[in-house]
Amino acid sequence: MGREEYLQLSETEKFKFLNKEAVQGKNFNQILSDLSMTKEDLAREGFYYIGNKFVRKPPLKD
């Protein structure tokens, strides 16, 4: 999947896709390279790579 396809996904679909890639054995740098994105790009979307899986930043509570 390329960057443009990835950006068209919903937040939940993005999260599932990223973790599916990690489960298939791709490392963080390979996933970023495939998507032509940086660590900071994913962080802006609220996704972080911790312990061989992606996690979401929890939503802010009022």
PDB file of N, CA and C in Angstrom:
ATOM      1  N   MET A   1       0.847  -1.169   0.000  1.00  0.00           N
ATOM      2  CA  MET A   1       0.000   0.000   0.000  1.00  0.00           C
ATOM      3  C   MET A   1       0.893   1.233   0.000  1.00  0.00           C
ATOM      4  N   GLY A   2       0.536   2.192  -0.799  1.00  0.00           N
ATOM      5  CA  GLY A   2       1.297   3.433  -0.870  1.00  0.00           C
ATOM      6  C   GLY A   2       0.739   4.493   0.064  1.00  0.00           C
ATOM      7  N   ARG A   3       1.421   5.607   0.113  1.00  0.00           N
ATOM      8  CA  ARG A   3       1.050   6.703   1.007  1.00  0.00           C
ATOM      9  C   ARG A   3      -0.366   7.209   0.739  1.00  0.00           C
ATOM     10  N   GLU A   4      -0.688   7.438  -0.521  1.00  0.00           N
ATOM     11  CA  GLU A   4      -2.010   7.981  -0.855  1.00  0.00           C
ATOM     12  C   GLU A   4      -3.131   7.027  -0.453  1.00  0.00           C
ATOM     13  N   GLU A   5      -2.937   5.739  -0.691  1.00  0.00           N
ATOM     14  CA  GLU A   5      -3.940   4.749  -0.292  1.00  0.00           C
ATOM     15  C   GLU A   5      -4.097   4.739   1.229  1.00  0.00           C
ATOM     16  N   TYR A   6      -2.971   4.794   1.919  1.00  0.00           N
ATOM     17  CA  TYR A   6      -2.989   4.784   3.380  1.00  0.00           C
ATOM     18  C   TYR A   6      -3.757   5.992   3.916  1.00  0.00           C
ATOM     19  N   LEU A   7      -3.516   7.152   3.352  1.00  0.00           N
ATOM     20  CA  LEU A   7      -4.150   8.369   3.843  1.00  0.00           C
ATOM     21  C   LEU A   7      -5.662   8.378   3.628  1.00  0.00           C
ATOM     22  N   GLN A   8      -6.151   7.565   2.702  1.00  0.00           N
ATOM     23  CA  GLN A   8      -7.588   7.486   2.440  1.00  0.00           C
ATOM     24  C   GLN A   8      -8.324   6.604   3.452  1.00  0.00           C
ATOM     25  N   LEU A   9      -7.594   5.840   4.245  1.00  0.00           N
ATOM     26  CA  LEU A   9      -8.208   4.944   5.220  1.00  0.00           C
ATOM     27  C   LEU A   9      -8.743   5.712   6.424  1.00  0.00           C
ATOM     28  N   SER A  10      -9.716   5.126   7.098  1.00  0.00           N
ATOM     29  CA  SER A  10     -10.200   5.707   8.356  1.00  0.00           C
ATOM     30  C   SER A  10      -9.141   5.479   9.435  1.00  0.00           C
ATOM     31  N   GLU A  11      -9.297   6.135  10.563  1.00  0.00           N
ATOM     32  CA  GLU A  11      -8.330   5.983  11.649  1.00  0.00           C
ATOM     33  C   GLU A  11      -8.236   4.533  12.116  1.00  0.00           C
ATOM     34  N   THR A  12      -9.382   3.873  12.236  1.00  0.00           N
ATOM     35  CA  THR A  12      -9.394   2.474  12.667  1.00  0.00           C
ATOM     36  C   THR A  12      -8.732   1.585  11.629  1.00  0.00           C
ATOM     37  N   GLU A  13      -9.005   1.826  10.356  1.00  0.00           N
ATOM     38  CA  GLU A  13      -8.389   1.030   9.291  1.00  0.00           C
ATOM     39  C   GLU A  13      -6.874   1.230   9.260  1.00  0.00           C
ATOM     40  N   LYS A  14      -6.436   2.465   9.483  1.00  0.00           N
ATOM     41  CA  LYS A  14      -4.992   2.749   9.531  1.00  0.00           C
ATOM     42  C   LYS A  14      -4.340   1.960  10.660  1.00  0.00           C
ATOM     43  N   PHE A  15      -4.969   2.003  11.830  1.00  0.00           N
ATOM     44  CA  PHE A  15      -4.443   1.309  12.998  1.00  0.00           C
ATOM     45  C   PHE A  15      -4.344  -0.195  12.742  1.00  0.00           C
ATOM     46  N   LYS A  16      -5.394  -0.778  12.186  1.00  0.00           N
ATOM     47  CA  LYS A  16      -5.390  -2.207  11.879  1.00  0.00           C
ATOM     48  C   LYS A  16      -4.333  -2.535  10.836  1.00  0.00           C
ATOM     49  N   PHE A  17      -4.191  -1.698   9.812  1.00  0.00           N
ATOM     50  CA  PHE A  17      -3.199  -1.934   8.769  1.00  0.00           C
ATOM     51  C   PHE A  17      -1.781  -1.913   9.346  1.00  0.00           C
ATOM     52  N   LEU A  18      -1.475  -0.901  10.141  1.00  0.00           N
ATOM     53  CA  LEU A  18      -0.131  -0.783  10.719  1.00  0.00           C
ATOM     54  C   LEU A  18       0.216  -1.993  11.573  1.00  0.00           C
ATOM     55  N   ASN A  19      -0.721  -2.433  12.400  1.00  0.00           N
ATOM     56  CA  ASN A  19      -0.455  -3.591  13.250  1.00  0.00           C
ATOM     57  C   ASN A  19      -0.381  -4.879  12.452  1.00  0.00           C
ATOM     58  N   LYS A  20      -1.159  -4.987  11.386  1.00  0.00           N
ATOM     59  CA  LYS A  20      -1.083  -6.169  10.533  1.00  0.00           C
ATOM     60  C   LYS A  20       0.307  -6.265   9.905  1.00  0.00           C
ATOM     61  N   GLU A  21       0.838  -5.141   9.463  1.00  0.00           N
ATOM     62  CA  GLU A  21       2.183  -5.128   8.888  1.00  0.00           C
ATOM     63  C   GLU A  21       3.218  -5.554   9.930  1.00  0.00           C
ATOM     64  N   ALA A  22       3.076  -5.061  11.153  1.00  0.00           N
ATOM     65  CA  ALA A  22       4.015  -5.410  12.228  1.00  0.00           C
ATOM     66  C   ALA A  22       3.939  -6.900  12.558  1.00  0.00           C
ATOM     67  N   VAL A  23       2.726  -7.461  12.593  1.00  0.00           N
ATOM     68  CA  VAL A  23       2.541  -8.878  12.902  1.00  0.00           C
ATOM     69  C   VAL A  23       3.155  -9.754  11.815  1.00  0.00           C
ATOM     70  N   GLN A  24       3.138  -9.264  10.569  1.00  0.00           N
ATOM     71  CA  GLN A  24       3.701 -10.026   9.461  1.00  0.00           C
ATOM     72  C   GLN A  24       5.230 -10.003   9.458  1.00  0.00           C
ATOM     73  N   GLY A  25       5.824  -9.325  10.424  1.00  0.00           N
ATOM     74  CA  GLY A  25       7.269  -9.362  10.571  1.00  0.00           C
ATOM     75  C   GLY A  25       8.014  -8.158  10.021  1.00  0.00           C
ATOM     76  N   LYS A  26       7.308  -7.170   9.497  1.00  0.00           N
ATOM     77  CA  LYS A  26       7.994  -5.973   9.017  1.00  0.00           C
ATOM     78  C   LYS A  26       8.433  -5.146  10.211  1.00  0.00           C
ATOM     79  N   ASN A  27       9.625  -4.588  10.112  1.00  0.00           N
ATOM     80  CA  ASN A  27      10.060  -3.722  11.198  1.00  0.00           C
ATOM     81  C   ASN A  27       9.573  -2.293  10.945  1.00  0.00           C
ATOM     82  N   PHE A  28       9.688  -1.463  11.935  1.00  0.00           N
ATOM     83  CA  PHE A  28       9.168  -0.096  11.898  1.00  0.00           C
ATOM     84  C   PHE A  28       9.692   0.682  10.695  1.00  0.00           C
ATOM     85  N   ASN A  29      10.984   0.587  10.438  1.00  0.00           N
ATOM     86  CA  ASN A  29      11.570   1.334   9.328  1.00  0.00           C
ATOM     87  C   ASN A  29      11.059   0.852   7.979  1.00  0.00           C
ATOM     88  N   GLN A  30      10.812  -0.446   7.827  1.00  0.00           N
ATOM     89  CA  GLN A  30      10.261  -0.976   6.578  1.00  0.00           C
ATOM     90  C   GLN A  30       8.856  -0.439   6.344  1.00  0.00           C
ATOM     91  N   ILE A  31       8.058  -0.416   7.394  1.00  0.00           N
ATOM     92  CA  ILE A  31       6.683   0.078   7.282  1.00  0.00           C
ATOM     93  C   ILE A  31       6.698   1.551   6.887  1.00  0.00           C
ATOM     94  N   LEU A  32       7.532   2.342   7.540  1.00  0.00           N
ATOM     95  CA  LEU A  32       7.638   3.760   7.200  1.00  0.00           C
ATOM     96  C   LEU A  32       8.086   3.946   5.758  1.00  0.00           C
ATOM     97  N   SER A  33       9.067   3.177   5.341  1.00  0.00           N
ATOM     98  CA  SER A  33       9.577   3.269   3.975  1.00  0.00           C
ATOM     99  C   SER A  33       8.498   2.919   2.953  1.00  0.00           C
ATOM    100  N   ASP A  34       7.753   1.842   3.204  1.00  0.00           N
ATOM    101  CA  ASP A  34       6.684   1.428   2.289  1.00  0.00           C
ATOM    102  C   ASP A  34       5.628   2.518   2.133  1.00  0.00           C
ATOM    103  N   LEU A  35       5.363   3.250   3.216  1.00  0.00           N
ATOM    104  CA  LEU A  35       4.343   4.299   3.195  1.00  0.00           C
ATOM    105  C   LEU A  35       4.905   5.669   2.827  1.00  0.00           C
ATOM    106  N   SER A  36       6.223   5.754   2.657  1.00  0.00           N
ATOM    107  CA  SER A  36       6.893   7.039   2.386  1.00  0.00           C
ATOM    108  C   SER A  36       6.515   8.062   3.460  1.00  0.00           C
ATOM    109  N   MET A  37       6.596   7.633   4.697  1.00  0.00           N
ATOM    110  CA  MET A  37       6.256   8.496   5.821  1.00  0.00           C
ATOM    111  C   MET A  37       7.388   8.491   6.836  1.00  0.00           C
ATOM    112  N   THR A  38       7.293   9.408   7.788  1.00  0.00           N
ATOM    113  CA  THR A  38       8.280   9.475   8.859  1.00  0.00           C
ATOM    114  C   THR A  38       7.612   9.142  10.193  1.00  0.00           C
ATOM    115  N   LYS A  39       8.438   8.936  11.177  1.00  0.00           N
ATOM    116  CA  LYS A  39       7.947   8.688  12.538  1.00  0.00           C
ATOM    117  C   LYS A  39       7.071   9.854  12.989  1.00  0.00           C
ATOM    118  N   GLU A  40       7.468  11.064  12.641  1.00  0.00           N
ATOM    119  CA  GLU A  40       6.724  12.258  13.023  1.00  0.00           C
ATOM    120  C   GLU A  40       5.357  12.313  12.333  1.00  0.00           C
ATOM    121  N   ASP A  41       5.280  11.840  11.077  1.00  0.00           N
ATOM    122  CA  ASP A  41       3.990  11.790  10.373  1.00  0.00           C
ATOM    123  C   ASP A  41       3.001  10.924  11.143  1.00  0.00           C
ATOM    124  N   LEU A  42       3.459   9.754  11.572  1.00  0.00           N
ATOM    125  CA  LEU A  42       2.579   8.854  12.314  1.00  0.00           C
ATOM    126  C   LEU A  42       2.225   9.433  13.685  1.00  0.00           C
ATOM    127  N   ALA A  43       3.178  10.096  14.314  1.00  0.00           N
ATOM    128  CA  ALA A  43       2.919  10.692  15.624  1.00  0.00           C
ATOM    129  C   ALA A  43       1.844  11.775  15.516  1.00  0.00           C
ATOM    130  N   ARG A  44       1.852  12.547  14.428  1.00  0.00           N
ATOM    131  CA  ARG A  44       0.824  13.569  14.233  1.00  0.00           C
ATOM    132  C   ARG A  44      -0.564  12.932  14.107  1.00  0.00           C
ATOM    133  N   GLU A  45      -0.611  11.705  13.599  1.00  0.00           N
ATOM    134  CA  GLU A  45      -1.878  10.989  13.488  1.00  0.00           C
ATOM    135  C   GLU A  45      -2.237  10.283  14.793  1.00  0.00           C
ATOM    136  N   GLY A  46      -1.326  10.297  15.765  1.00  0.00           N
ATOM    137  CA  GLY A  46      -1.594   9.683  17.065  1.00  0.00           C
ATOM    138  C   GLY A  46      -1.190   8.227  17.159  1.00  0.00           C
ATOM    139  N   PHE A  47      -0.308   7.761  16.244  1.00  0.00           N
ATOM    140  CA  PHE A  47       0.153   6.375  16.262  1.00  0.00           C
ATOM    141  C   PHE A  47       1.616   6.322  16.684  1.00  0.00           C
ATOM    142  N   TYR A  48       1.916   5.407  17.606  1.00  0.00           N
ATOM    143  CA  TYR A  48       3.273   5.237  18.102  1.00  0.00           C
ATOM    144  C   TYR A  48       3.634   3.763  18.056  1.00  0.00           C
ATOM    145  N   TYR A  49       4.910   3.476  17.842  1.00  0.00           N
ATOM    146  CA  TYR A  49       5.406   2.099  17.753  1.00  0.00           C
ATOM    147  C   TYR A  49       6.111   1.763  19.056  1.00  0.00           C
ATOM    148  N   ILE A  50       5.527   0.839  19.810  1.00  0.00           N
ATOM    149  CA  ILE A  50       6.083   0.454  21.114  1.00  0.00           C
ATOM    150  C   ILE A  50       6.044  -1.066  21.228  1.00  0.00           C
ATOM    151  N   GLY A  51       7.183  -1.657  21.486  1.00  0.00           N
ATOM    152  CA  GLY A  51       7.246  -3.096  21.721  1.00  0.00           C
ATOM    153  C   GLY A  51       6.754  -3.936  20.557  1.00  0.00           C
ATOM    154  N   ASN A  52       7.170  -3.621  19.347  1.00  0.00           N
ATOM    155  CA  ASN A  52       6.812  -4.366  18.137  1.00  0.00           C
ATOM    156  C   ASN A  52       5.331  -4.302  17.775  1.00  0.00           C
ATOM    157  N   LYS A  53       4.643  -3.257  18.226  1.00  0.00           N
ATOM    158  CA  LYS A  53       3.260  -3.051  17.809  1.00  0.00           C
ATOM    159  C   LYS A  53       2.953  -1.558  17.849  1.00  0.00           C
ATOM    160  N   PHE A  54       1.902  -1.200  17.164  1.00  0.00           N
ATOM    161  CA  PHE A  54       1.472   0.190  17.147  1.00  0.00           C
ATOM    162  C   PHE A  54       0.410   0.401  18.207  1.00  0.00           C
ATOM    163  N   VAL A  55       0.478   1.550  18.851  1.00  0.00           N
ATOM    164  CA  VAL A  55      -0.531   1.947  19.832  1.00  0.00           C
ATOM    165  C   VAL A  55      -1.050   3.321  19.435  1.00  0.00           C
ATOM    166  N   ARG A  56      -2.258   3.611  19.896  1.00  0.00           N
ATOM    167  CA  ARG A  56      -2.860   4.912  19.618  1.00  0.00           C
ATOM    168  C   ARG A  56      -2.722   5.816  20.825  1.00  0.00           C
ATOM    169  N   LYS A  57      -2.565   7.083  20.550  1.00  0.00           N
ATOM    170  CA  LYS A  57      -2.572   8.054  21.621  1.00  0.00           C
ATOM    171  C   LYS A  57      -4.001   8.149  22.140  1.00  0.00           C
ATOM    172  N   PRO A  58      -4.189   8.070  23.426  1.00  0.00           N
ATOM    173  CA  PRO A  58      -5.559   8.136  23.951  1.00  0.00           C
ATOM    174  C   PRO A  58      -6.171   9.511  23.674  1.00  0.00           C
ATOM    175  N   PRO A  59      -7.475   9.555  23.428  1.00  0.00           N
ATOM    176  CA  PRO A  59      -8.125  10.852  23.191  1.00  0.00           C
ATOM    177  C   PRO A  59      -8.077  11.711  24.456  1.00  0.00           C
ATOM    178  N   LEU A  60      -8.056  13.010  24.247  1.00  0.00           N
ATOM    179  CA  LEU A  60      -8.048  13.933  25.389  1.00  0.00           C
ATOM    180  C   LEU A  60      -9.417  13.950  26.037  1.00  0.00           C
ATOM    181  N   LYS A  61      -9.411  14.011  27.358  1.00  0.00           N
ATOM    182  CA  LYS A  61     -10.680  14.088  28.094  1.00  0.00           C
ATOM    183  C   LYS A  61     -10.814  15.482  28.665  1.00  0.00           C
ATOM    184  N   ASP A  62     -12.024  16.003  28.634  1.00  0.00           N
ATOM    185  CA  ASP A  62     -12.284  17.338  29.184  1.00  0.00           C
ATOM    186  C   ASP A  62     -12.390  17.315  30.677  1.00  0.00           C
TER     187      ASP A  62
END
